[in-house]
Amino acid sequence: MTSQTPNPSTPRKSIHQYLGGASIVADVMLWKNYKATGLILLGSTSMWFLFERAGYSLLSLFSNALLLLVVIMFFWAKSASLLNRPLPPLPNLEVSDALVEKVADVAVVRINRVLEVARDITFKGDVKLFFKVASGLFTVSYVGSLFNFFTLVYIGVLLSLSVPVMYDKYQDQVDEKLRVSEKFIITYYRKLDENVISKIPLPQSKEKKTQ
C-alpha cells in the first residue's frame, strides 16, 4: 500500500478558502473583520461572566432582558403618543416556513444518521464502530464532568476564534505534525485490530429458510 504525496506544483488551498473564501464566517474566524470578531468575543465573554461568575441563570437573564425591552417599548410608545412622535419601529417578528423546513431537514438527516449507527451496532454487531462510538461518548462524558455547559460553549468559541487563525499562520508546521500523528494513529490502530478487535467473535446473522 503506497501513500500518495501531494504534488508540490499544485497550489494548496488556504484555510480561508476552506472556510468559504469571502464568506462572513471565514472573515470572522480569521480576524479579517475585526469589528465582528471583537463583538463576538466580547459578547461571549460577557455571557460567560454573567452565567458563571455573576450567578445568573439563562431563564433569569432572558426574563430580565425581556422585561427591560417591554418597559422601554411601553414608555417610548406612551411618550410618542403624548408628544406626537412616531412609534418605535418594530420588525415583523415571525419565523418563516422556509426556515422551519430547513431546520427540520437538517435535524432529520442527523437523527437518521444516529439511528443508522445504532442499528449497525445492535443488529450487525460492528465491533469497530462500537469501540469508536463508546470511546467518543466516554471522551464527551469525561470532558463534560470537568466543565459545565456554558464553559464548554465559551471554550468552543475561543477555539474557533484562535485555532483557524493560528493554523493559517503556521500551516506548514502544523501539517507536518499532523502527518506524523496520523501515521502513529494508523499504526497503533492496526496493531489493536490485529491483536484485540479481530479476535472478538462477531455474532452471525441466522436467516430462516422457507420451504
Protein backbone atom coordinates (compact mmCIF):
# COMPACT_ATOMS: atom_id res chain seq x y z
CA MET A 1 0.00 0.00 0.00
CA THR A 2 1.66 3.19 -1.18
CA SER A 3 0.87 6.60 0.22
CA GLN A 4 0.35 9.39 -2.24
CA THR A 5 2.25 12.57 -1.60
CA PRO A 6 0.76 15.86 -2.70
CA ASN A 7 2.23 17.39 -5.83
CA PRO A 8 4.27 20.45 -4.79
CA SER A 9 3.40 22.21 -8.04
CA THR A 10 -0.31 22.02 -7.25
CA PRO A 11 -1.48 25.16 -5.46
CA ARG A 12 -2.72 24.32 -1.98
CA LYS A 13 -5.93 25.78 -0.66
CA SER A 14 -5.60 28.15 2.24
CA ILE A 15 -7.66 27.86 5.40
CA HIS A 16 -9.58 30.96 4.27
CA GLN A 17 -10.70 29.13 1.11
CA TYR A 18 -11.70 26.05 3.09
CA LEU A 19 -13.89 28.23 5.31
CA GLY A 20 -15.75 29.66 2.34
CA GLY A 21 -13.46 32.32 0.92
CA ALA A 22 -15.07 35.72 1.24
CA SER A 23 -17.91 34.48 3.48
CA ILE A 24 -18.73 36.15 6.77
CA VAL A 25 -17.76 33.05 8.76
CA ALA A 26 -14.28 32.92 7.21
CA ASP A 27 -13.68 36.63 7.81
CA VAL A 28 -14.80 36.34 11.43
CA MET A 29 -12.83 33.20 12.29
CA LEU A 30 -9.63 34.50 10.66
CA TRP A 31 -9.96 38.00 12.11
CA LYS A 32 -10.42 39.61 8.70
CA ASN A 33 -13.40 41.51 10.11
CA TYR A 34 -12.03 42.84 13.40
CA LYS A 35 -15.27 44.51 14.47
CA ALA A 36 -17.45 41.42 14.08
CA THR A 37 -14.87 39.13 15.68
CA GLY A 38 -14.36 41.56 18.56
CA LEU A 39 -18.11 41.82 19.15
CA ILE A 40 -18.50 38.03 19.20
CA LEU A 41 -15.57 37.65 21.59
CA LEU A 42 -16.85 40.44 23.84
CA GLY A 43 -20.42 39.10 23.79
CA SER A 44 -19.40 35.52 24.55
CA THR A 45 -17.10 36.68 27.34
CA SER A 46 -19.89 38.79 28.84
CA MET A 47 -22.36 35.92 28.68
CA TRP A 48 -19.87 33.54 30.27
CA PHE A 49 -19.18 36.05 33.05
CA LEU A 50 -22.89 36.56 33.73
CA PHE A 51 -23.66 32.83 33.86
CA GLU A 52 -20.53 31.55 35.60
CA ARG A 53 -19.33 34.40 37.81
CA ALA A 54 -22.33 36.66 38.45
CA GLY A 55 -24.64 33.71 39.20
CA TYR A 56 -27.27 34.46 36.55
CA SER A 57 -29.28 31.63 35.06
CA LEU A 58 -30.47 31.52 31.48
CA LEU A 59 -34.12 31.93 32.49
CA SER A 60 -33.48 34.90 34.78
CA LEU A 61 -31.29 36.68 32.22
CA PHE A 62 -33.82 36.11 29.45
CA SER A 63 -36.69 37.31 31.64
CA ASN A 64 -34.80 40.44 32.76
CA ALA A 65 -33.85 41.29 29.18
CA LEU A 66 -37.44 40.92 28.02
CA LEU A 67 -38.68 42.97 31.00
CA LEU A 68 -36.27 45.78 30.16
CA LEU A 69 -37.31 45.69 26.50
CA VAL A 70 -41.02 45.76 27.35
CA VAL A 71 -40.55 48.70 29.74
CA ILE A 72 -38.58 50.68 27.17
CA MET A 73 -41.12 49.99 24.41
CA PHE A 74 -44.04 50.86 26.70
CA PHE A 75 -42.70 54.25 27.81
CA TRP A 76 -41.48 55.00 24.28
CA ALA A 77 -44.96 54.37 22.88
CA LYS A 78 -46.63 56.46 25.64
CA SER A 79 -44.25 59.38 25.19
CA ALA A 80 -44.66 59.18 21.41
CA SER A 81 -48.45 59.47 21.70
CA LEU A 82 -48.17 62.44 24.09
CA LEU A 83 -45.51 64.28 22.10
CA ASN A 84 -46.88 63.40 18.66
CA ARG A 85 -43.73 61.44 17.82
CA PRO A 86 -43.52 58.29 15.66
CA LEU A 87 -43.98 54.97 17.39
CA PRO A 88 -40.94 52.75 17.99
CA PRO A 89 -40.06 50.77 14.86
CA LEU A 90 -40.71 47.09 15.49
CA PRO A 91 -39.74 44.49 12.87
CA ASN A 92 -42.09 41.75 11.82
CA LEU A 93 -41.09 39.15 14.42
CA GLU A 94 -42.08 35.83 12.92
CA VAL A 95 -40.42 32.59 11.90
CA SER A 96 -40.81 31.78 8.22
CA ASP A 97 -41.96 28.38 6.98
CA ALA A 98 -38.80 28.06 4.86
CA LEU A 99 -36.59 28.41 7.95
CA VAL A 100 -38.59 25.78 9.84
CA GLU A 101 -38.41 23.36 6.90
CA LYS A 102 -34.65 23.90 6.54
CA VAL A 103 -34.03 23.24 10.23
CA ALA A 104 -36.30 20.18 10.11
CA ASP A 105 -34.45 18.77 7.07
CA VAL A 106 -31.09 19.15 8.79
CA ALA A 107 -32.44 17.60 12.00
CA VAL A 108 -33.92 14.62 10.11
CA VAL A 109 -30.57 13.90 8.42
CA ARG A 110 -28.71 13.99 11.76
CA ILE A 111 -31.29 11.84 13.53
CA ASN A 112 -31.31 9.25 10.74
CA ARG A 113 -27.51 9.08 10.86
CA VAL A 114 -27.59 8.41 14.61
CA LEU A 115 -30.26 5.72 14.15
CA GLU A 116 -28.21 4.13 11.37
CA VAL A 117 -25.15 3.92 13.62
CA ALA A 118 -27.26 2.43 16.42
CA ARG A 119 -28.69 -0.17 14.02
CA ASP A 120 -25.23 -1.16 12.77
CA ILE A 121 -24.01 -1.64 16.34
CA THR A 122 -27.11 -3.54 17.53
CA PHE A 123 -28.01 -5.80 14.62
CA LYS A 124 -24.81 -6.08 12.57
CA GLY A 125 -22.51 -6.35 15.57
CA ASP A 126 -19.98 -3.87 14.18
CA VAL A 127 -17.27 -4.10 16.85
CA LYS A 128 -15.06 -1.38 15.36
CA LEU A 129 -17.95 1.07 15.19
CA PHE A 130 -18.93 0.12 18.73
CA PHE A 131 -15.46 0.96 20.06
CA LYS A 132 -15.42 4.24 18.13
CA VAL A 133 -18.82 5.31 19.49
CA ALA A 134 -18.02 4.13 23.01
CA SER A 135 -14.68 5.94 23.10
CA GLY A 136 -16.27 9.10 21.72
CA LEU A 137 -19.10 9.06 24.28
CA PHE A 138 -16.63 8.35 27.08
CA THR A 139 -14.50 11.31 25.99
CA VAL A 140 -17.54 13.60 25.89
CA SER A 141 -18.65 12.36 29.30
CA TYR A 142 -15.20 12.90 30.79
CA VAL A 143 -14.85 16.41 29.37
CA GLY A 144 -18.41 17.21 30.50
CA SER A 145 -17.54 16.20 34.05
CA LEU A 146 -14.69 18.72 34.08
CA PHE A 147 -16.64 21.71 32.73
CA ASN A 148 -20.27 22.75 32.68
CA PHE A 149 -22.24 23.53 29.53
CA PHE A 150 -21.67 27.28 29.30
CA THR A 151 -17.95 26.91 29.95
CA LEU A 152 -17.72 24.33 27.16
CA VAL A 153 -19.56 26.65 24.79
CA TYR A 154 -17.25 29.52 25.73
CA ILE A 155 -14.18 27.32 25.20
CA GLY A 156 -15.57 26.32 21.80
CA VAL A 157 -15.97 29.98 20.83
CA LEU A 158 -12.41 30.77 21.93
CA LEU A 159 -11.03 27.81 20.00
CA SER A 160 -12.98 28.73 16.86
CA LEU A 161 -11.56 32.26 17.02
CA SER A 162 -7.97 31.19 17.74
CA VAL A 163 -7.22 27.80 16.13
CA PRO A 164 -8.06 28.72 12.49
CA VAL A 165 -6.01 31.93 12.55
CA MET A 166 -3.07 30.12 14.18
CA TYR A 167 -3.29 27.33 11.62
CA ASP A 168 -3.40 29.85 8.81
CA LYS A 169 -0.20 31.40 10.15
CA TYR A 170 1.69 28.14 10.84
CA GLN A 171 0.07 25.83 8.28
CA ASP A 172 3.27 24.09 7.10
CA GLN A 173 4.48 23.22 10.61
CA VAL A 174 1.04 22.01 11.72
CA ASP A 175 0.60 19.85 8.60
CA GLU A 176 3.92 18.15 9.24
CA LYS A 177 2.95 17.36 12.85
CA LEU A 178 -0.45 16.09 11.72
CA ARG A 179 1.13 13.71 9.19
CA VAL A 180 3.37 12.25 11.89
CA SER A 181 0.39 11.89 14.25
CA GLU A 182 -1.70 10.27 11.52
CA LYS A 183 0.99 7.66 10.83
CA PHE A 184 1.24 6.86 14.54
CA ILE A 185 -2.53 6.52 14.96
CA ILE A 186 -2.85 4.27 11.88
CA THR A 187 -0.01 2.04 13.11
CA TYR A 188 -1.49 1.82 16.60
CA TYR A 189 -4.98 1.08 15.28
CA ARG A 190 -3.67 -1.69 13.02
CA LYS A 191 -1.90 -3.32 15.95
CA LEU A 192 -5.06 -3.02 18.05
CA ASP A 193 -7.11 -4.50 15.24
CA GLU A 194 -4.74 -7.44 14.78
CA ASN A 195 -4.28 -8.22 18.47
CA VAL A 196 -7.67 -7.41 20.05
CA ILE A 197 -10.56 -6.50 17.78
CA SER A 198 -10.03 -9.22 15.18
CA LYS A 199 -10.08 -11.88 17.92
CA ILE A 200 -13.51 -10.86 19.24
CA PRO A 201 -16.18 -13.30 17.93
CA LEU A 202 -18.76 -11.49 15.85
CA PRO A 203 -22.43 -12.52 16.03
CA GLN A 204 -23.56 -14.29 12.88
CA SER A 205 -26.97 -13.50 11.49
CA LYS A 206 -29.12 -16.58 11.01
CA GLU A 207 -31.55 -16.45 8.14
CA LYS A 208 -34.67 -18.55 8.34
CA LYS A 209 -35.09 -20.94 5.46
CA THR A 210 -38.52 -21.06 4.00
CA GLN A 211 -39.65 -24.23 2.35
